[in-house]
N, C-alpha and C. Protein backbone atom coordinates (compact mmCIF):
# COMPACT_ATOMS: atom_id res chain seq x y z
N UNK A 1 21.98 -8.69 9.63
CA UNK A 1 20.61 -9.17 9.93
C UNK A 1 19.77 -9.09 8.92
N UNK A 2 19.00 -10.25 9.28
CA UNK A 2 17.96 -10.94 8.65
C UNK A 2 16.42 -10.95 9.16
N UNK A 3 15.42 -10.62 8.51
CA UNK A 3 13.79 -10.19 8.86
C UNK A 3 13.22 -11.29 7.66
N UNK A 4 12.09 -11.15 8.45
CA UNK A 4 10.88 -11.51 7.94
C UNK A 4 10.01 -11.18 7.21
N UNK A 5 9.40 -10.58 6.28
CA UNK A 5 8.39 -10.49 5.23
C UNK A 5 6.97 -10.28 6.38
N UNK A 6 6.53 -11.11 7.17
CA UNK A 6 5.50 -10.99 7.79
C UNK A 6 5.58 -10.46 9.02
N UNK A 7 7.14 -9.71 9.50
CA UNK A 7 7.31 -8.65 10.06
C UNK A 7 7.06 -7.43 10.07
N UNK A 8 6.98 -6.76 8.48
CA UNK A 8 6.97 -6.19 8.15
C UNK A 8 5.48 -5.16 8.25
N UNK A 9 5.16 -4.50 9.00
CA UNK A 9 3.60 -4.45 8.63
C UNK A 9 3.63 -2.58 9.37
N UNK A 10 2.66 -2.29 8.81
CA UNK A 10 2.07 -1.12 8.97
C UNK A 10 1.39 -0.51 10.00
N UNK A 11 1.44 0.61 10.30
CA UNK A 11 0.88 0.73 11.85
C UNK A 11 -0.33 2.48 11.48
N UNK A 12 -0.01 3.05 10.12
CA UNK A 12 -0.68 4.01 9.75
C UNK A 12 -0.41 4.30 8.14
N UNK A 13 -1.73 5.14 7.67
CA UNK A 13 -1.73 5.47 5.98
C UNK A 13 -2.22 6.77 5.72
N UNK A 14 -1.99 7.15 5.31
CA UNK A 14 -2.11 8.73 4.58
C UNK A 14 -1.92 8.93 3.39
N UNK A 15 -2.18 10.42 2.87
CA UNK A 15 -2.14 10.37 1.12
C UNK A 15 -1.78 12.28 0.90
N UNK A 16 -0.80 12.54 0.02
CA UNK A 16 -1.34 13.18 -0.38
C UNK A 16 -0.88 13.73 -1.90
N UNK A 17 -1.17 14.21 -2.59
CA UNK A 17 -1.36 14.73 -3.65
C UNK A 17 -1.17 13.50 -4.50
N UNK A 18 0.17 13.37 -4.61
CA UNK A 18 1.14 12.40 -5.75
C UNK A 18 1.09 11.42 -4.70
N UNK A 19 0.70 11.19 -3.40
CA UNK A 19 1.75 9.88 -2.59
C UNK A 19 0.82 8.84 -2.18
N UNK A 20 1.41 7.72 -2.04
CA UNK A 20 0.48 7.13 -0.52
C UNK A 20 1.92 6.99 0.48
N UNK A 21 1.56 7.41 1.71
CA UNK A 21 2.78 7.49 2.72
C UNK A 21 2.05 6.23 3.85
N UNK A 22 3.12 5.65 4.43
CA UNK A 22 2.98 4.30 5.13
C UNK A 22 4.10 4.61 6.06
N UNK A 23 3.57 4.53 7.83
CA UNK A 23 4.49 4.46 8.76
C UNK A 23 4.52 2.86 9.24
N UNK A 24 5.32 2.24 9.07
CA UNK A 24 5.93 0.78 9.92
C UNK A 24 5.84 1.16 11.42
N UNK A 25 5.63 -0.39 11.74
CA UNK A 25 5.70 -0.50 13.16
C UNK A 25 7.02 -0.35 13.97
N UNK A 26 7.96 -0.17 12.93
CA UNK A 26 9.23 -0.63 13.00
C UNK A 26 9.31 1.38 13.42
N UNK A 27 8.80 2.23 13.21
CA UNK A 27 9.07 3.04 12.84
C UNK A 27 9.77 4.00 11.37
N UNK A 28 10.10 3.09 10.98
CA UNK A 28 10.03 3.42 8.92
C UNK A 28 8.97 4.30 8.48
N UNK A 29 9.36 5.39 7.53
CA UNK A 29 8.60 5.72 7.00
C UNK A 29 8.50 5.84 5.48
N UNK A 30 7.70 5.59 4.34
CA UNK A 30 7.83 5.08 3.46
C UNK A 30 6.70 5.77 2.56
N UNK A 31 7.39 6.67 1.21
CA UNK A 31 6.05 7.24 0.42
C UNK A 31 6.07 6.50 -0.65
N UNK A 32 4.91 6.49 -1.32
CA UNK A 32 5.31 5.77 -2.49
C UNK A 32 4.19 6.28 -3.69
N UNK A 33 4.51 6.76 -5.00
CA UNK A 33 3.87 7.47 -5.87
C UNK A 33 2.90 6.92 -6.22
N UNK A 34 1.46 7.97 -5.96
CA UNK A 34 -0.05 7.56 -6.41
C UNK A 34 0.48 6.61 -7.61
N UNK A 35 1.03 6.66 -8.94
CA UNK A 35 1.08 6.17 -10.25
C UNK A 35 1.21 5.12 -9.82
N UNK A 36 1.97 3.88 -9.12
CA UNK A 36 2.25 3.05 -8.93
C UNK A 36 0.75 2.31 -8.52
N UNK A 37 -0.35 3.09 -8.41
CA UNK A 37 -1.58 2.36 -8.10
C UNK A 37 -2.52 3.22 -8.63
N UNK A 38 -3.11 2.64 -10.15
CA UNK A 38 -4.15 3.27 -10.73
C UNK A 38 -5.50 3.32 -9.83
N UNK A 39 -5.78 2.77 -9.36
CA UNK A 39 -7.48 2.35 -8.37
C UNK A 39 -7.06 4.02 -7.61
N UNK A 40 -6.29 3.79 -6.81
CA UNK A 40 -6.08 5.00 -5.74
C UNK A 40 -5.40 6.50 -6.58
N UNK A 41 -5.27 6.12 -7.68
CA UNK A 41 -4.75 7.73 -8.04
C UNK A 41 -6.18 7.82 -8.73
N UNK A 42 -7.37 7.69 -8.74
CA UNK A 42 -8.19 7.61 -9.96
C UNK A 42 -9.16 8.27 -8.68
N UNK A 43 -9.00 7.32 -7.32
CA UNK A 43 -9.89 7.48 -6.06
C UNK A 43 -9.86 8.59 -5.23
N UNK A 44 -11.39 9.52 -4.74
CA UNK A 44 -11.63 10.61 -4.37
C UNK A 44 -11.09 10.01 -2.95
N UNK A 45 -10.44 11.28 -2.09
CA UNK A 45 -10.00 11.61 -0.78
C UNK A 45 -10.67 10.94 -0.27
N UNK A 46 -11.87 10.62 0.12
CA UNK A 46 -13.14 9.95 0.71
C UNK A 46 -12.15 8.21 0.71
N UNK A 47 -12.48 7.83 -0.56
CA UNK A 47 -11.88 6.46 -0.89
C UNK A 47 -10.69 6.38 -0.80
N UNK A 48 -9.82 6.77 -0.98
CA UNK A 48 -8.67 6.53 0.38
C UNK A 48 -8.96 6.22 1.19
N UNK A 49 -9.42 7.30 2.15
CA UNK A 49 -9.13 6.94 3.68
C UNK A 49 -10.03 6.13 3.92
N UNK A 50 -10.60 5.38 3.15
CA UNK A 50 -11.58 4.42 3.55
C UNK A 50 -10.75 2.74 3.48
N UNK A 51 -10.05 2.52 4.16
CA UNK A 51 -8.87 1.44 4.24
C UNK A 51 -9.24 0.90 5.59
N UNK A 52 -8.42 -0.49 5.32
CA UNK A 52 -8.72 -1.49 6.95
C UNK A 52 -6.81 -2.26 6.69
N UNK A 53 -6.65 -2.22 7.61
CA UNK A 53 -5.39 -3.34 7.66
C UNK A 53 -5.86 -4.85 7.81
N UNK A 54 -5.14 -5.81 6.81
CA UNK A 54 -5.27 -6.84 6.95
C UNK A 54 -3.65 -7.48 7.57
N UNK A 55 -4.17 -8.62 7.92
CA UNK A 55 -3.12 -9.47 8.39
C UNK A 55 -2.21 -8.93 9.75
N UNK A 56 -2.68 -8.21 10.40
CA UNK A 56 -2.36 -7.92 11.58
C UNK A 56 -1.07 -6.40 11.03
N UNK A 57 -1.33 -6.16 9.82
CA UNK A 57 -0.57 -4.41 9.03
C UNK A 57 0.19 -5.21 7.69
N UNK A 58 -0.16 -5.96 7.62
CA UNK A 58 1.05 -6.81 6.53
C UNK A 58 0.24 -6.30 5.13
N UNK A 59 -1.21 -6.16 5.28
CA UNK A 59 -1.50 -5.34 3.91
C UNK A 59 -2.39 -4.52 4.54
N UNK A 60 -2.99 -3.72 2.93
CA UNK A 60 -3.78 -2.85 3.14
C UNK A 60 -4.89 -2.87 2.17
N UNK A 61 -6.26 -2.32 3.13
CA UNK A 61 -7.39 -3.22 2.08
C UNK A 61 -7.96 -2.16 2.02
N UNK A 62 -8.38 -1.73 0.62
CA UNK A 62 -9.55 -1.00 0.05
C UNK A 62 -10.78 -1.39 -0.43
N UNK A 63 -12.07 -2.06 0.67
CA UNK A 63 -12.37 -2.68 0.07
C UNK A 63 -13.64 -2.13 -0.95
N UNK A 64 -14.45 -0.59 -0.97
CA UNK A 64 -14.97 -0.36 -1.63
C UNK A 64 -13.85 0.29 -3.46
N UNK A 65 -12.65 -0.10 -3.56
CA UNK A 65 -11.90 -0.22 -4.85
C UNK A 65 -11.85 -1.45 -5.08
N UNK A 66 -11.19 -2.17 -5.14
CA UNK A 66 -11.43 -3.75 -4.64
C UNK A 66 -9.33 -3.44 -4.76
N UNK A 67 -9.23 -2.71 -4.21
CA UNK A 67 -7.56 -3.29 -4.06
C UNK A 67 -6.97 -2.99 -2.68
N UNK A 68 -5.41 -4.36 -2.59
CA UNK A 68 -4.96 -4.92 -1.90
C UNK A 68 -3.52 -4.25 -1.87
N UNK A 69 -2.93 -3.87 -0.95
CA UNK A 69 -1.62 -4.13 -1.17
C UNK A 69 -0.58 -4.72 -0.36
N UNK A 70 0.01 -4.99 -0.60
CA UNK A 70 1.00 -5.73 0.64
C UNK A 70 1.83 -4.79 1.41
N UNK A 71 2.48 -4.75 2.20
CA UNK A 71 3.29 -3.76 2.75
C UNK A 71 4.92 -4.45 2.53
N UNK A 72 5.19 -5.37 2.55
CA UNK A 72 6.10 -6.15 2.33
C UNK A 72 6.66 -5.64 1.19
N UNK A 73 6.13 -6.21 0.52
CA UNK A 73 6.08 -5.59 -1.42
C UNK A 73 6.21 -3.76 -1.59
N UNK A 74 5.96 -3.61 -0.69
CA UNK A 74 5.93 -2.03 -0.50
C UNK A 74 7.40 -1.63 -1.04
N UNK A 75 8.13 -2.01 0.37
CA UNK A 75 9.50 -1.49 0.03
C UNK A 75 10.67 -2.42 -0.09
N UNK A 76 9.64 -3.92 -1.58
CA UNK A 76 10.68 -4.44 -2.64
C UNK A 76 10.34 -3.61 -3.79
N UNK A 77 9.71 -2.42 -4.06
CA UNK A 77 9.38 -1.35 -4.55
C UNK A 77 8.42 -1.94 -5.60
N UNK A 78 7.61 -2.86 -5.34
CA UNK A 78 6.61 -3.67 -6.26
C UNK A 78 4.67 -2.67 -6.10
N UNK A 79 4.59 -2.57 -7.47
CA UNK A 79 3.53 -1.81 -7.44
C UNK A 79 2.35 -2.59 -7.96
N UNK A 80 1.52 -1.68 -8.07
CA UNK A 80 0.05 -2.99 -9.09
C UNK A 80 0.46 -4.14 -10.05
N UNK A 81 0.66 -5.51 -9.45
CA UNK A 81 1.18 -6.60 -10.10
C UNK A 81 -0.15 -7.13 -11.35
N UNK A 82 -1.28 -6.11 -11.43
CA UNK A 82 -2.79 -6.31 -12.11
C UNK A 82 -2.13 -5.39 -13.14
N UNK A 83 -1.38 -4.54 -13.19
CA UNK A 83 -0.49 -3.57 -14.44
C UNK A 83 0.30 -4.91 -15.63
N UNK A 84 1.22 -5.36 -14.68
CA UNK A 84 1.98 -6.53 -15.61
C UNK A 84 1.22 -7.69 -15.62
N UNK A 85 0.05 -8.18 -15.19
CA UNK A 85 -0.74 -8.85 -15.85
C UNK A 85 -1.26 -8.86 -17.12
N UNK A 86 -1.72 -7.28 -17.58
CA UNK A 86 -2.20 -6.69 -18.50
C UNK A 86 -1.03 -7.42 -19.78
N UNK A 87 -0.21 -7.21 -19.29
CA UNK A 87 1.03 -6.78 -20.26
C UNK A 87 1.30 -7.70 -20.76
N UNK A 88 0.78 -9.39 -20.18
CA UNK A 88 1.15 -10.69 -20.59
C UNK A 88 0.11 -11.46 -21.40
């Protein structure tokens, strides 16, 4: 079975105290620790709820936080790449 990264898209996003939760259009549910995304970890609940989908759900964008998350990258276990850029 093969798939294209562009076929992976989110339909719902929510948070608990420690995790970002995402439901994909194909029914899968992901939980990712907020520690992977420092901007979201430090954000208020109201700021976290103020997101929009981009690319038909292939991205999640928080304008006020200047944060963008690739949904296909979540499946690959990729966190905030700015952390890696600072280390270089």
